[in-house]
Amino acid sequence: MAGRTARAEQVSATREAILDAAERLFAEHGVYAVSNRQVSEAAGQGNNAAVGYHFGTKADLVRAVARRHAEHIETLRERALAVAGDSMDVRDWIDCLVRPVTEHLAGLGSPTWYARFCAQVMTDPALHEIMVEESMASPALGQAIEALNRTLPELPPEVRAERGQMVRQLILHTCAERERALAEGAPTPRATWEQAATGLADAIEGLWLAPVSGTTP
């Protein structure tokens, strides 16, 4: 029994080391610029087949990195939903989208790599769908988006879709850029992740409530 427990702990520690290394290397260099061998070496594994043994394909490894952050973000978003309640204020639901992500990043300490990892994966055509699938598996995110849609002003469907894409990009890349600056010791416009979330939510609110110009010449 003790032997099995020790083995299980060793396997768990190895998997965590591989996930740590993959997240950092993928964030800094891009997913396909990094080989499984490099991930294994960075994780301190003498066996270069360790990544394949523990996770399978590179896509499986990307999914595993995303999933190990998902539970905490989901918990934070559930709390934000409870605070928002039945609000009809669009800002409350924007906060439900933004703040769980920034709170999670703040809680990871410094440096972090998760925001840059997400940005790298989302810009990769072959892996983009993985992140979309993982996001859509979040019940709390679905509830937040549904509530936001109820409180938004009437918008043409194409404008709503367009602005939704803009919002996703804004959250993703603003967080990734702040994370990069913090890791490099570069100045940031806002002192804390909480303040950064406020600025980001301000911008998103303005984007959603902006006037719609005519689309015909």
C-alpha atoms as a PDB file:
ATOM      1  CA  MET A   1       0.000   0.000   0.000  1.00  0.00           C
ATOM      2  CA  ALA A   2       2.772   2.432   0.962  1.00  0.00           C
ATOM      3  CA  GLY A   3       4.582   1.604  -2.258  1.00  0.00           C
ATOM      4  CA  ARG A   4       1.496   2.314  -4.362  1.00  0.00           C
ATOM      5  CA  THR A   5       0.927   5.603  -2.533  1.00  0.00           C
ATOM      6  CA  ALA A   6       4.516   6.693  -3.115  1.00  0.00           C
ATOM      7  CA  ARG A   7       4.247   5.725  -6.785  1.00  0.00           C
ATOM      8  CA  ALA A   8       1.004   7.681  -7.180  1.00  0.00           C
ATOM      9  CA  GLU A   9       2.586  10.732  -5.543  1.00  0.00           C
ATOM     10  CA  GLN A  10       5.583  10.470  -7.857  1.00  0.00           C
ATOM     11  CA  VAL A  11       3.354  10.234 -10.917  1.00  0.00           C
ATOM     12  CA  SER A  12       1.328  13.244  -9.745  1.00  0.00           C
ATOM     13  CA  ALA A  13       4.484  15.283  -9.132  1.00  0.00           C
ATOM     14  CA  THR A  14       5.830  14.346 -12.569  1.00  0.00           C
ATOM     15  CA  ARG A  15       2.598  15.364 -14.268  1.00  0.00           C
ATOM     16  CA  GLU A  16       2.566  18.707 -12.445  1.00  0.00           C
ATOM     17  CA  ALA A  17       6.187  19.358 -13.391  1.00  0.00           C
ATOM     18  CA  ILE A  18       5.391  18.634 -17.038  1.00  0.00           C
ATOM     19  CA  LEU A  19       2.336  20.916 -16.949  1.00  0.00           C
ATOM     20  CA  ASP A  20       4.377  23.710 -15.350  1.00  0.00           C
ATOM     21  CA  ALA A  21       7.098  23.391 -17.983  1.00  0.00           C
ATOM     22  CA  ALA A  22       4.658  23.167 -20.886  1.00  0.00           C
ATOM     23  CA  GLU A  23       2.656  26.187 -19.757  1.00  0.00           C
ATOM     24  CA  ARG A  24       5.793  28.318 -19.418  1.00  0.00           C
ATOM     25  CA  LEU A  25       7.450  27.216 -22.657  1.00  0.00           C
ATOM     26  CA  PHE A  26       4.265  27.414 -24.726  1.00  0.00           C
ATOM     27  CA  ALA A  27       3.558  30.891 -23.309  1.00  0.00           C
ATOM     28  CA  GLU A  28       7.024  32.176 -24.089  1.00  0.00           C
ATOM     29  CA  HIS A  29       7.685  30.508 -27.448  1.00  0.00           C
ATOM     30  CA  GLY A  30       4.425  29.229 -28.920  1.00  0.00           C
ATOM     31  CA  VAL A  31       3.087  25.696 -28.870  1.00  0.00           C
ATOM     32  CA  TYR A  32       4.600  24.316 -32.054  1.00  0.00           C
ATOM     33  CA  ALA A  33       7.968  25.980 -31.512  1.00  0.00           C
ATOM     34  CA  VAL A  34       8.427  23.743 -28.449  1.00  0.00           C
ATOM     35  CA  SER A  35       9.051  20.008 -28.739  1.00  0.00           C
ATOM     36  CA  ASN A  36       7.954  17.336 -26.296  1.00  0.00           C
ATOM     37  CA  ARG A  37      11.641  16.698 -25.670  1.00  0.00           C
ATOM     38  CA  GLN A  38      12.122  20.332 -24.568  1.00  0.00           C
ATOM     39  CA  VAL A  39       9.125  20.091 -22.241  1.00  0.00           C
ATOM     40  CA  SER A  40      10.478  16.866 -20.727  1.00  0.00           C
ATOM     41  CA  GLU A  41      13.912  18.382 -20.198  1.00  0.00           C
ATOM     42  CA  ALA A  42      12.474  21.548 -18.639  1.00  0.00           C
ATOM     43  CA  ALA A  43      10.399  19.365 -16.320  1.00  0.00           C
ATOM     44  CA  GLY A  44      13.536  17.567 -15.163  1.00  0.00           C
ATOM     45  CA  GLN A  45      12.611  14.287 -16.823  1.00  0.00           C
ATOM     46  CA  GLY A  46      15.451  12.150 -18.130  1.00  0.00           C
ATOM     47  CA  ASN A  47      12.998  10.205 -20.273  1.00  0.00           C
ATOM     48  CA  ASN A  48      12.193  12.278 -23.360  1.00  0.00           C
ATOM     49  CA  ALA A  49       9.028  10.235 -23.877  1.00  0.00           C
ATOM     50  CA  ALA A  50       7.591  11.425 -20.548  1.00  0.00           C
ATOM     51  CA  VAL A  51       5.188  13.913 -22.139  1.00  0.00           C
ATOM     52  CA  GLY A  52       3.697  11.303 -24.448  1.00  0.00           C
ATOM     53  CA  TYR A  53       3.512   8.724 -21.669  1.00  0.00           C
ATOM     54  CA  HIS A  54       1.651  10.999 -19.254  1.00  0.00           C
ATOM     55  CA  PHE A  55      -0.468  13.080 -21.649  1.00  0.00           C
ATOM     56  CA  GLY A  56      -0.508  11.635 -25.146  1.00  0.00           C
ATOM     57  CA  THR A  57      -0.487  14.193 -27.962  1.00  0.00           C
ATOM     58  CA  LYS A  58       0.484  17.843 -27.780  1.00  0.00           C
ATOM     59  CA  ALA A  59      -3.195  18.739 -28.112  1.00  0.00           C
ATOM     60  CA  ASP A  60      -3.916  16.572 -25.057  1.00  0.00           C
ATOM     61  CA  LEU A  61      -1.173  18.404 -23.163  1.00  0.00           C
ATOM     62  CA  VAL A  62      -2.642  21.793 -24.105  1.00  0.00           C
ATOM     63  CA  ARG A  63      -6.058  20.655 -22.914  1.00  0.00           C
ATOM     64  CA  ALA A  64      -4.589  19.445 -19.617  1.00  0.00           C
ATOM     65  CA  VAL A  65      -2.905  22.811 -18.992  1.00  0.00           C
ATOM     66  CA  ALA A  66      -6.172  24.630 -19.660  1.00  0.00           C
ATOM     67  CA  ARG A  67      -8.169  22.304 -17.413  1.00  0.00           C
ATOM     68  CA  ARG A  68      -5.959  22.686 -14.388  1.00  0.00           C
ATOM     69  CA  HIS A  69      -6.840  26.406 -14.276  1.00  0.00           C
ATOM     70  CA  ALA A  70     -10.504  25.965 -15.164  1.00  0.00           C
ATOM     71  CA  GLU A  71     -11.793  24.744 -11.798  1.00  0.00           C
ATOM     72  CA  HIS A  72     -10.559  27.755  -9.835  1.00  0.00           C
ATOM     73  CA  ILE A  73     -11.788  30.234 -12.450  1.00  0.00           C
ATOM     74  CA  GLU A  74     -15.159  28.479 -12.393  1.00  0.00           C
ATOM     75  CA  THR A  75     -15.344  28.840  -8.604  1.00  0.00           C
ATOM     76  CA  LEU A  76     -14.507  32.545  -8.805  1.00  0.00           C
ATOM     77  CA  ARG A  77     -17.110  33.084 -11.524  1.00  0.00           C
ATOM     78  CA  GLU A  78     -19.785  31.272  -9.517  1.00  0.00           C
ATOM     79  CA  ARG A  79     -19.093  33.673  -6.641  1.00  0.00           C
ATOM     80  CA  ALA A  80     -19.328  36.647  -8.992  1.00  0.00           C
ATOM     81  CA  LEU A  81     -22.670  35.362 -10.328  1.00  0.00           C
ATOM     82  CA  ALA A  82     -23.998  35.067  -6.790  1.00  0.00           C
ATOM     83  CA  VAL A  83     -23.027  38.674  -6.095  1.00  0.00           C
ATOM     84  CA  ALA A  84     -24.628  39.893  -9.336  1.00  0.00           C
ATOM     85  CA  GLY A  85     -27.883  38.095  -8.500  1.00  0.00           C
ATOM     86  CA  ASP A  86     -30.701  39.345 -10.746  1.00  0.00           C
ATOM     87  CA  SER A  87     -28.984  42.596 -11.698  1.00  0.00           C
ATOM     88  CA  MET A  88     -30.040  44.391 -14.860  1.00  0.00           C
ATOM     89  CA  ASP A  89     -26.859  46.476 -14.873  1.00  0.00           C
ATOM     90  CA  VAL A  90     -24.665  45.476 -17.805  1.00  0.00           C
ATOM     91  CA  ARG A  91     -21.539  46.327 -15.810  1.00  0.00           C
ATOM     92  CA  ASP A  92     -22.244  43.607 -13.234  1.00  0.00           C
ATOM     93  CA  TRP A  93     -22.202  40.942 -15.929  1.00  0.00           C
ATOM     94  CA  ILE A  94     -19.111  42.354 -17.586  1.00  0.00           C
ATOM     95  CA  ASP A  95     -17.428  42.037 -14.205  1.00  0.00           C
ATOM     96  CA  CYS A  96     -18.514  38.383 -14.133  1.00  0.00           C
ATOM     97  CA  LEU A  97     -16.589  37.852 -17.364  1.00  0.00           C
ATOM     98  CA  VAL A  98     -13.473  39.828 -16.482  1.00  0.00           C
ATOM     99  CA  ARG A  99     -12.782  39.597 -12.768  1.00  0.00           C
ATOM    100  CA  PRO A 100     -12.637  35.814 -12.311  1.00  0.00           C
ATOM    101  CA  VAL A 101      -9.803  35.729 -14.844  1.00  0.00           C
ATOM    102  CA  THR A 102      -7.838  38.594 -13.316  1.00  0.00           C
ATOM    103  CA  GLU A 103      -8.415  37.326  -9.780  1.00  0.00           C
ATOM    104  CA  HIS A 104      -7.106  33.921 -10.801  1.00  0.00           C
ATOM    105  CA  LEU A 105      -3.998  35.456 -12.369  1.00  0.00           C
ATOM    106  CA  ALA A 106      -3.424  37.613  -9.293  1.00  0.00           C
ATOM    107  CA  GLY A 107      -3.664  34.554  -7.076  1.00  0.00           C
ATOM    108  CA  LEU A 108      -1.004  32.661  -9.020  1.00  0.00           C
ATOM    109  CA  GLY A 109       1.745  34.999  -7.820  1.00  0.00           C
ATOM    110  CA  SER A 110       4.438  36.295 -10.131  1.00  0.00           C
ATOM    111  CA  PRO A 111       5.581  35.518 -12.701  1.00  0.00           C
ATOM    112  CA  THR A 112       2.641  33.784 -14.346  1.00  0.00           C
ATOM    113  CA  TRP A 113       2.304  32.299 -17.810  1.00  0.00           C
ATOM    114  CA  TYR A 114      -1.332  31.280 -18.110  1.00  0.00           C
ATOM    115  CA  ALA A 115      -2.634  34.393 -19.921  1.00  0.00           C
ATOM    116  CA  ARG A 116       0.169  34.222 -22.478  1.00  0.00           C
ATOM    117  CA  PHE A 117      -0.377  30.480 -22.859  1.00  0.00           C
ATOM    118  CA  CYS A 118      -4.044  31.150 -23.687  1.00  0.00           C
ATOM    119  CA  ALA A 119      -3.107  33.878 -26.164  1.00  0.00           C
ATOM    120  CA  GLN A 120      -0.658  31.567 -27.941  1.00  0.00           C
ATOM    121  CA  VAL A 121      -3.168  28.731 -28.149  1.00  0.00           C
ATOM    122  CA  MET A 122      -6.060  30.929 -29.289  1.00  0.00           C
ATOM    123  CA  THR A 123      -4.032  32.261 -32.213  1.00  0.00           C
ATOM    124  CA  ASP A 124      -3.115  28.745 -33.367  1.00  0.00           C
ATOM    125  CA  PRO A 125      -5.706  27.462 -35.871  1.00  0.00           C
ATOM    126  CA  ALA A 126      -5.103  23.824 -34.940  1.00  0.00           C
ATOM    127  CA  LEU A 127      -5.544  24.367 -31.199  1.00  0.00           C
ATOM    128  CA  HIS A 128      -8.032  27.241 -31.071  1.00  0.00           C
ATOM    129  CA  GLU A 129     -10.967  24.846 -30.934  1.00  0.00           C
ATOM    130  CA  ILE A 130      -9.642  23.196 -27.771  1.00  0.00           C
ATOM    131  CA  MET A 131      -9.826  26.456 -25.822  1.00  0.00           C
ATOM    132  CA  VAL A 132     -13.278  27.209 -27.232  1.00  0.00           C
ATOM    133  CA  GLU A 133     -14.516  23.762 -26.183  1.00  0.00           C
ATOM    134  CA  GLU A 134     -13.063  24.139 -22.699  1.00  0.00           C
ATOM    135  CA  SER A 135     -14.683  27.582 -22.316  1.00  0.00           C
ATOM    136  CA  MET A 136     -18.056  26.302 -23.470  1.00  0.00           C
ATOM    137  CA  ALA A 137     -17.843  23.525 -20.865  1.00  0.00           C
ATOM    138  CA  SER A 138     -18.067  26.178 -18.116  1.00  0.00           C
ATOM    139  CA  PRO A 139     -21.642  26.473 -16.793  1.00  0.00           C
ATOM    140  CA  ALA A 140     -20.826  29.711 -14.955  1.00  0.00           C
ATOM    141  CA  LEU A 141     -19.441  31.335 -18.103  1.00  0.00           C
ATOM    142  CA  GLY A 142     -22.564  30.348 -20.005  1.00  0.00           C
ATOM    143  CA  GLN A 143     -24.758  31.893 -17.301  1.00  0.00           C
ATOM    144  CA  ALA A 144     -22.726  35.106 -17.312  1.00  0.00           C
ATOM    145  CA  ILE A 145     -22.971  35.452 -21.094  1.00  0.00           C
ATOM    146  CA  GLU A 146     -26.702  34.731 -21.044  1.00  0.00           C
ATOM    147  CA  ALA A 147     -27.275  37.364 -18.362  1.00  0.00           C
ATOM    148  CA  LEU A 148     -25.116  39.881 -20.210  1.00  0.00           C
ATOM    149  CA  ASN A 149     -27.113  39.348 -23.380  1.00  0.00           C
ATOM    150  CA  ARG A 150     -30.339  40.060 -21.475  1.00  0.00           C
ATOM    151  CA  THR A 151     -29.050  43.416 -20.260  1.00  0.00           C
ATOM    152  CA  LEU A 152     -27.441  44.672 -23.466  1.00  0.00           C
ATOM    153  CA  PRO A 153     -29.263  47.184 -25.654  1.00  0.00           C
ATOM    154  CA  GLU A 154     -30.818  45.975 -28.889  1.00  0.00           C
ATOM    155  CA  LEU A 155     -28.075  45.451 -31.459  1.00  0.00           C
ATOM    156  CA  PRO A 156     -28.132  44.047 -34.994  1.00  0.00           C
ATOM    157  CA  PRO A 157     -27.090  40.380 -34.853  1.00  0.00           C
ATOM    158  CA  GLU A 158     -23.944  40.991 -36.860  1.00  0.00           C
ATOM    159  CA  VAL A 159     -22.915  43.854 -34.554  1.00  0.00           C
ATOM    160  CA  ARG A 160     -23.546  41.752 -31.455  1.00  0.00           C
ATOM    161  CA  ALA A 161     -21.442  38.929 -32.892  1.00  0.00           C
ATOM    162  CA  GLU A 162     -18.685  41.324 -33.937  1.00  0.00           C
ATOM    163  CA  ARG A 163     -18.509  42.996 -30.546  1.00  0.00           C
ATOM    164  CA  GLY A 164     -18.543  39.646 -28.789  1.00  0.00           C
ATOM    165  CA  GLN A 165     -15.431  38.700 -30.743  1.00  0.00           C
ATOM    166  CA  MET A 166     -13.827  42.028 -29.855  1.00  0.00           C
ATOM    167  CA  VAL A 167     -14.552  41.513 -26.161  1.00  0.00           C
ATOM    168  CA  ARG A 168     -12.965  38.055 -26.161  1.00  0.00           C
ATOM    169  CA  GLN A 169      -9.853  39.389 -27.866  1.00  0.00           C
ATOM    170  CA  LEU A 170      -9.659  42.364 -25.527  1.00  0.00           C
ATOM    171  CA  ILE A 171      -9.791  40.232 -22.383  1.00  0.00           C
ATOM    172  CA  LEU A 172      -7.357  37.662 -23.761  1.00  0.00           C
ATOM    173  CA  HIS A 173      -4.665  39.974 -25.058  1.00  0.00           C
ATOM    174  CA  THR A 174      -4.926  42.671 -22.387  1.00  0.00           C
ATOM    175  CA  CYS A 175      -4.309  40.039 -19.708  1.00  0.00           C
ATOM    176  CA  ALA A 176      -1.499  38.447 -21.723  1.00  0.00           C
ATOM    177  CA  GLU A 177       0.232  41.787 -22.287  1.00  0.00           C
ATOM    178  CA  ARG A 178       0.011  42.728 -18.613  1.00  0.00           C
ATOM    179  CA  GLU A 179       1.343  39.302 -17.626  1.00  0.00           C
ATOM    180  CA  ARG A 180       4.269  39.697 -20.032  1.00  0.00           C
ATOM    181  CA  ALA A 181       5.105  43.153 -18.675  1.00  0.00           C
ATOM    182  CA  LEU A 182       5.021  41.912 -15.080  1.00  0.00           C
ATOM    183  CA  ALA A 183       7.263  38.967 -15.922  1.00  0.00           C
ATOM    184  CA  GLU A 184       9.772  41.305 -17.575  1.00  0.00           C
ATOM    185  CA  GLY A 185       9.616  43.923 -14.826  1.00  0.00           C
ATOM    186  CA  ALA A 186       8.256  46.482 -17.292  1.00  0.00           C
ATOM    187  CA  PRO A 187       5.880  49.288 -16.242  1.00  0.00           C
ATOM    188  CA  THR A 188       2.131  48.633 -16.465  1.00  0.00           C
ATOM    189  CA  PRO A 189      -0.701  51.166 -16.788  1.00  0.00           C
ATOM    190  CA  ARG A 190      -2.361  49.868 -13.615  1.00  0.00           C
ATOM    191  CA  ALA A 191      -0.635  48.866 -10.388  1.00  0.00           C
ATOM    192  CA  THR A 192      -2.686  45.755  -9.579  1.00  0.00           C
ATOM    193  CA  TRP A 193      -4.703  43.094 -11.345  1.00  0.00           C
ATOM    194  CA  GLU A 194      -7.816  44.444  -9.598  1.00  0.00           C
ATOM    195  CA  GLN A 195      -7.210  47.893 -11.046  1.00  0.00           C
ATOM    196  CA  ALA A 196      -6.448  46.360 -14.429  1.00  0.00           C
ATOM    197  CA  ALA A 197      -9.801  44.553 -14.283  1.00  0.00           C
ATOM    198  CA  THR A 198     -11.562  47.871 -13.652  1.00  0.00           C
ATOM    199  CA  GLY A 199      -9.917  49.466 -16.666  1.00  0.00           C
ATOM    200  CA  LEU A 200     -10.686  46.452 -18.814  1.00  0.00           C
ATOM    201  CA  ALA A 201     -14.328  46.381 -17.714  1.00  0.00           C
ATOM    202  CA  ASP A 202     -14.607  50.131 -18.428  1.00  0.00           C
ATOM    203  CA  ALA A 203     -13.377  49.573 -21.981  1.00  0.00           C
ATOM    204  CA  ILE A 204     -15.685  46.604 -22.557  1.00  0.00           C
ATOM    205  CA  GLU A 205     -18.698  48.513 -21.260  1.00  0.00           C
ATOM    206  CA  GLY A 206     -17.904  51.332 -23.644  1.00  0.00           C
ATOM    207  CA  LEU A 207     -17.511  48.878 -26.506  1.00  0.00           C
ATOM    208  CA  TRP A 208     -20.865  47.204 -25.890  1.00  0.00           C
ATOM    209  CA  LEU A 209     -22.732  50.496 -25.438  1.00  0.00           C
ATOM    210  CA  ALA A 210     -21.085  52.334 -28.341  1.00  0.00           C
ATOM    211  CA  PRO A 211     -23.396  53.694 -31.049  1.00  0.00           C
ATOM    212  CA  VAL A 212     -23.901  51.630 -34.200  1.00  0.00           C
ATOM    213  CA  SER A 213     -23.132  53.373 -37.457  1.00  0.00           C
ATOM    214  CA  GLY A 214     -24.968  52.453 -40.630  1.00  0.00           C
ATOM    215  CA  THR A 215     -23.522  49.512 -42.532  1.00  0.00           C
ATOM    216  CA  THR A 216     -24.744  50.575 -45.953  1.00  0.00           C
ATOM    217  CA  PRO A 217     -22.937  53.184 -48.085  1.00  0.00           C
END
